[in-house]
Amino acid sequence: MSYQSSEAKKEDFRKYLENSKVIDALTKVLVNLYEEPEKPSHPVDFIKKALGGPSPADFEALQAENAQLRAENEALKKRISDQAPPAQ
């Protein structure tokens, strides 16, 4: 009985992947990777990029920008609080 439920779960998951177009998307990406004349040294990064994820360089740039904007935000908050009249 456990075997049947396990097989049924696998089939349900396969149908889920098929219906949500995950299989199609992964197939396209893998075909693109296969057809690359020069295979990338980091195939996982290739797949992430093909699926729309940020590259490691993009991620680092976004982290740096985030840190800079947070610091600027804190400086502006301090500037506003320094200019506010004292509470009476």
N, C-alpha and C. Protein backbone atom coordinates (compact mmCIF):
# COMPACT_ATOMS: atom_id res chain seq x y z
N MET A 1 0.83 -1.19 0.00
CA MET A 1 0.00 0.00 0.00
C MET A 1 0.87 1.26 0.00
N SER A 2 1.95 1.22 0.74
CA SER A 2 2.87 2.35 0.77
C SER A 2 3.46 2.61 -0.61
N TYR A 3 3.71 1.53 -1.34
CA TYR A 3 4.27 1.66 -2.68
C TYR A 3 3.31 2.41 -3.59
N GLN A 4 2.05 2.10 -3.52
CA GLN A 4 1.07 2.75 -4.38
C GLN A 4 0.95 4.23 -4.04
N SER A 5 0.93 4.55 -2.77
CA SER A 5 0.80 5.95 -2.40
C SER A 5 2.05 6.73 -2.82
N SER A 6 3.20 6.09 -2.74
CA SER A 6 4.43 6.74 -3.18
C SER A 6 4.40 6.99 -4.68
N GLU A 7 3.96 6.01 -5.43
CA GLU A 7 3.85 6.16 -6.88
C GLU A 7 2.81 7.21 -7.24
N ALA A 8 1.72 7.24 -6.51
CA ALA A 8 0.67 8.23 -6.76
C ALA A 8 1.20 9.64 -6.48
N LYS A 9 1.98 9.78 -5.42
CA LYS A 9 2.56 11.08 -5.10
C LYS A 9 3.51 11.53 -6.20
N LYS A 10 4.31 10.61 -6.70
CA LYS A 10 5.24 10.94 -7.78
C LYS A 10 4.48 11.38 -9.02
N GLU A 11 3.42 10.66 -9.33
CA GLU A 11 2.62 10.99 -10.51
C GLU A 11 1.93 12.35 -10.34
N ASP A 12 1.41 12.61 -9.15
CA ASP A 12 0.79 13.92 -8.88
C ASP A 12 1.81 15.05 -9.03
N PHE A 13 3.01 14.81 -8.53
CA PHE A 13 4.05 15.83 -8.64
C PHE A 13 4.45 16.05 -10.09
N ARG A 14 4.57 14.97 -10.85
CA ARG A 14 4.91 15.07 -12.26
C ARG A 14 3.85 15.87 -13.00
N LYS A 15 2.59 15.60 -12.71
CA LYS A 15 1.49 16.35 -13.34
C LYS A 15 1.54 17.82 -12.95
N TYR A 16 1.85 18.08 -11.69
CA TYR A 16 1.98 19.46 -11.22
C TYR A 16 3.07 20.19 -12.01
N LEU A 17 4.23 19.56 -12.15
CA LEU A 17 5.33 20.18 -12.89
C LEU A 17 4.96 20.39 -14.35
N GLU A 18 4.26 19.44 -14.91
CA GLU A 18 3.86 19.55 -16.31
C GLU A 18 2.81 20.65 -16.49
N ASN A 19 1.82 20.68 -15.63
CA ASN A 19 0.75 21.68 -15.75
C ASN A 19 1.24 23.10 -15.49
N SER A 20 2.23 23.25 -14.65
CA SER A 20 2.74 24.58 -14.33
C SER A 20 3.86 25.01 -15.27
N LYS A 21 4.10 24.22 -16.30
CA LYS A 21 5.09 24.53 -17.35
C LYS A 21 6.54 24.52 -16.86
N VAL A 22 6.77 23.93 -15.70
CA VAL A 22 8.14 23.84 -15.19
C VAL A 22 8.98 22.93 -16.08
N ILE A 23 8.41 21.83 -16.48
CA ILE A 23 9.15 20.89 -17.33
C ILE A 23 9.53 21.56 -18.65
N ASP A 24 8.60 22.31 -19.23
CA ASP A 24 8.90 23.01 -20.49
C ASP A 24 10.03 24.01 -20.30
N ALA A 25 9.97 24.79 -19.23
CA ALA A 25 11.00 25.80 -18.99
C ALA A 25 12.37 25.16 -18.78
N LEU A 26 12.41 24.11 -17.98
CA LEU A 26 13.69 23.44 -17.73
C LEU A 26 14.22 22.78 -19.00
N THR A 27 13.33 22.21 -19.78
CA THR A 27 13.75 21.58 -21.03
C THR A 27 14.37 22.61 -21.97
N LYS A 28 13.74 23.77 -22.09
CA LYS A 28 14.28 24.82 -22.96
C LYS A 28 15.66 25.27 -22.49
N VAL A 29 15.81 25.45 -21.19
CA VAL A 29 17.09 25.88 -20.65
C VAL A 29 18.16 24.82 -20.90
N LEU A 30 17.82 23.58 -20.66
CA LEU A 30 18.80 22.51 -20.87
C LEU A 30 19.15 22.34 -22.34
N VAL A 31 18.19 22.54 -23.22
CA VAL A 31 18.48 22.49 -24.66
C VAL A 31 19.42 23.63 -25.02
N ASN A 32 19.16 24.83 -24.49
CA ASN A 32 20.05 25.96 -24.75
C ASN A 32 21.46 25.67 -24.25
N LEU A 33 21.56 25.08 -23.09
CA LEU A 33 22.88 24.72 -22.55
C LEU A 33 23.56 23.69 -23.45
N TYR A 34 22.81 22.72 -23.90
CA TYR A 34 23.35 21.68 -24.78
C TYR A 34 23.84 22.29 -26.09
N GLU A 35 23.11 23.27 -26.59
CA GLU A 35 23.45 23.87 -27.89
C GLU A 35 24.52 24.95 -27.80
N GLU A 36 24.94 25.31 -26.60
CA GLU A 36 26.01 26.30 -26.45
C GLU A 36 27.28 25.76 -27.10
N PRO A 37 27.88 26.52 -28.01
CA PRO A 37 29.12 26.04 -28.64
C PRO A 37 30.25 25.88 -27.63
N GLU A 38 30.35 26.85 -26.72
CA GLU A 38 31.35 26.74 -25.66
C GLU A 38 30.61 26.59 -24.35
N LYS A 39 30.76 25.45 -23.75
CA LYS A 39 30.04 25.17 -22.51
C LYS A 39 30.51 26.11 -21.41
N PRO A 40 29.57 26.69 -20.66
CA PRO A 40 29.96 27.60 -19.57
C PRO A 40 30.68 26.84 -18.46
N SER A 41 31.61 27.54 -17.82
CA SER A 41 32.35 26.91 -16.73
C SER A 41 31.49 26.74 -15.48
N HIS A 42 30.42 27.54 -15.40
CA HIS A 42 29.49 27.45 -14.27
C HIS A 42 28.08 27.23 -14.81
N PRO A 43 27.74 25.99 -15.11
CA PRO A 43 26.43 25.72 -15.72
C PRO A 43 25.25 26.11 -14.83
N VAL A 44 25.41 26.04 -13.53
CA VAL A 44 24.30 26.43 -12.65
C VAL A 44 24.01 27.92 -12.81
N ASP A 45 25.05 28.73 -12.91
CA ASP A 45 24.85 30.17 -13.14
C ASP A 45 24.17 30.41 -14.49
N PHE A 46 24.56 29.63 -15.49
CA PHE A 46 23.92 29.73 -16.81
C PHE A 46 22.43 29.44 -16.69
N ILE A 47 22.09 28.40 -15.96
CA ILE A 47 20.68 28.01 -15.80
C ILE A 47 19.93 29.08 -15.02
N LYS A 48 20.53 29.59 -13.95
CA LYS A 48 19.88 30.65 -13.17
C LYS A 48 19.61 31.87 -14.05
N LYS A 49 20.61 32.26 -14.83
CA LYS A 49 20.45 33.43 -15.69
C LYS A 49 19.38 33.18 -16.74
N ALA A 50 19.37 31.99 -17.31
CA ALA A 50 18.37 31.66 -18.34
C ALA A 50 16.96 31.67 -17.76
N LEU A 51 16.84 31.34 -16.50
CA LEU A 51 15.52 31.34 -15.85
C LEU A 51 15.16 32.71 -15.29
N GLY A 52 16.06 33.68 -15.43
CA GLY A 52 15.74 35.04 -15.02
C GLY A 52 16.32 35.47 -13.69
N GLY A 53 17.17 34.67 -13.11
CA GLY A 53 17.78 35.04 -11.84
C GLY A 53 18.95 35.97 -12.03
N PRO A 54 19.31 36.71 -10.99
CA PRO A 54 20.45 37.62 -11.10
C PRO A 54 21.77 36.85 -11.13
N SER A 55 22.73 37.40 -11.82
CA SER A 55 24.06 36.79 -11.83
C SER A 55 24.73 37.12 -10.50
N PRO A 56 25.79 36.40 -10.15
CA PRO A 56 26.50 36.73 -8.90
C PRO A 56 26.97 38.19 -8.87
N ALA A 57 27.41 38.72 -10.00
CA ALA A 57 27.85 40.12 -10.04
C ALA A 57 26.67 41.06 -9.80
N ASP A 58 25.53 40.75 -10.40
CA ASP A 58 24.33 41.56 -10.17
C ASP A 58 23.94 41.53 -8.70
N PHE A 59 24.01 40.34 -8.11
CA PHE A 59 23.64 40.18 -6.71
C PHE A 59 24.55 41.02 -5.82
N GLU A 60 25.85 40.97 -6.08
CA GLU A 60 26.80 41.75 -5.28
C GLU A 60 26.55 43.25 -5.45
N ALA A 61 26.26 43.66 -6.67
CA ALA A 61 25.99 45.08 -6.93
C ALA A 61 24.72 45.52 -6.19
N LEU A 62 23.71 44.68 -6.19
CA LEU A 62 22.48 45.01 -5.47
C LEU A 62 22.71 45.07 -3.97
N GLN A 63 23.53 44.19 -3.45
CA GLN A 63 23.85 44.23 -2.02
C GLN A 63 24.58 45.52 -1.66
N ALA A 64 25.53 45.91 -2.50
CA ALA A 64 26.28 47.15 -2.24
C ALA A 64 25.36 48.35 -2.31
N GLU A 65 24.49 48.37 -3.31
CA GLU A 65 23.54 49.48 -3.43
C GLU A 65 22.60 49.53 -2.23
N ASN A 66 22.16 48.38 -1.78
CA ASN A 66 21.28 48.31 -0.62
C ASN A 66 21.98 48.88 0.62
N ALA A 67 23.22 48.50 0.83
CA ALA A 67 23.97 49.00 1.99
C ALA A 67 24.14 50.52 1.91
N GLN A 68 24.44 51.01 0.72
CA GLN A 68 24.63 52.45 0.54
C GLN A 68 23.32 53.20 0.79
N LEU A 69 22.22 52.67 0.29
CA LEU A 69 20.93 53.32 0.49
C LEU A 69 20.49 53.28 1.96
N ARG A 70 20.80 52.20 2.64
CA ARG A 70 20.47 52.13 4.07
C ARG A 70 21.25 53.18 4.86
N ALA A 71 22.53 53.34 4.53
CA ALA A 71 23.35 54.34 5.22
C ALA A 71 22.82 55.74 4.93
N GLU A 72 22.46 55.99 3.68
CA GLU A 72 21.91 57.29 3.31
C GLU A 72 20.59 57.55 4.03
N ASN A 73 19.77 56.53 4.14
CA ASN A 73 18.49 56.64 4.84
C ASN A 73 18.71 57.00 6.31
N GLU A 74 19.65 56.34 6.94
CA GLU A 74 19.94 56.63 8.35
C GLU A 74 20.45 58.06 8.51
N ALA A 75 21.30 58.50 7.60
CA ALA A 75 21.82 59.87 7.67
C ALA A 75 20.69 60.89 7.51
N LEU A 76 19.77 60.62 6.62
CA LEU A 76 18.64 61.53 6.42
C LEU A 76 17.71 61.54 7.64
N LYS A 77 17.50 60.38 8.24
CA LYS A 77 16.67 60.32 9.45
C LYS A 77 17.31 61.15 10.57
N LYS A 78 18.63 61.03 10.70
CA LYS A 78 19.33 61.79 11.74
C LYS A 78 19.23 63.28 11.45
N ARG A 79 19.37 63.65 10.20
CA ARG A 79 19.28 65.06 9.81
C ARG A 79 17.90 65.62 10.14
N ILE A 80 16.87 64.84 9.87
CA ILE A 80 15.50 65.29 10.17
C ILE A 80 15.31 65.42 11.68
N SER A 81 15.79 64.44 12.42
CA SER A 81 15.60 64.50 13.87
C SER A 81 16.39 65.65 14.49
N ASP A 82 17.53 65.99 13.90
CA ASP A 82 18.33 67.12 14.40
C ASP A 82 17.64 68.45 14.12
N GLN A 83 16.85 68.52 13.07
CA GLN A 83 16.18 69.76 12.70
C GLN A 83 14.82 69.92 13.36
N ALA A 84 14.29 68.86 13.91
CA ALA A 84 12.96 68.93 14.52
C ALA A 84 13.02 69.79 15.79
N PRO A 85 12.00 70.62 16.00
CA PRO A 85 11.99 71.43 17.22
C PRO A 85 11.80 70.53 18.44
N PRO A 86 12.35 70.92 19.56
CA PRO A 86 12.20 70.09 20.76
C PRO A 86 10.73 69.98 21.16
N ALA A 87 10.37 68.83 21.68
CA ALA A 87 8.98 68.60 22.12
C ALA A 87 8.70 69.45 23.35
N GLN A 88 7.51 70.03 23.40
CA GLN A 88 7.16 70.91 24.53
C GLN A 88 6.25 70.23 25.49
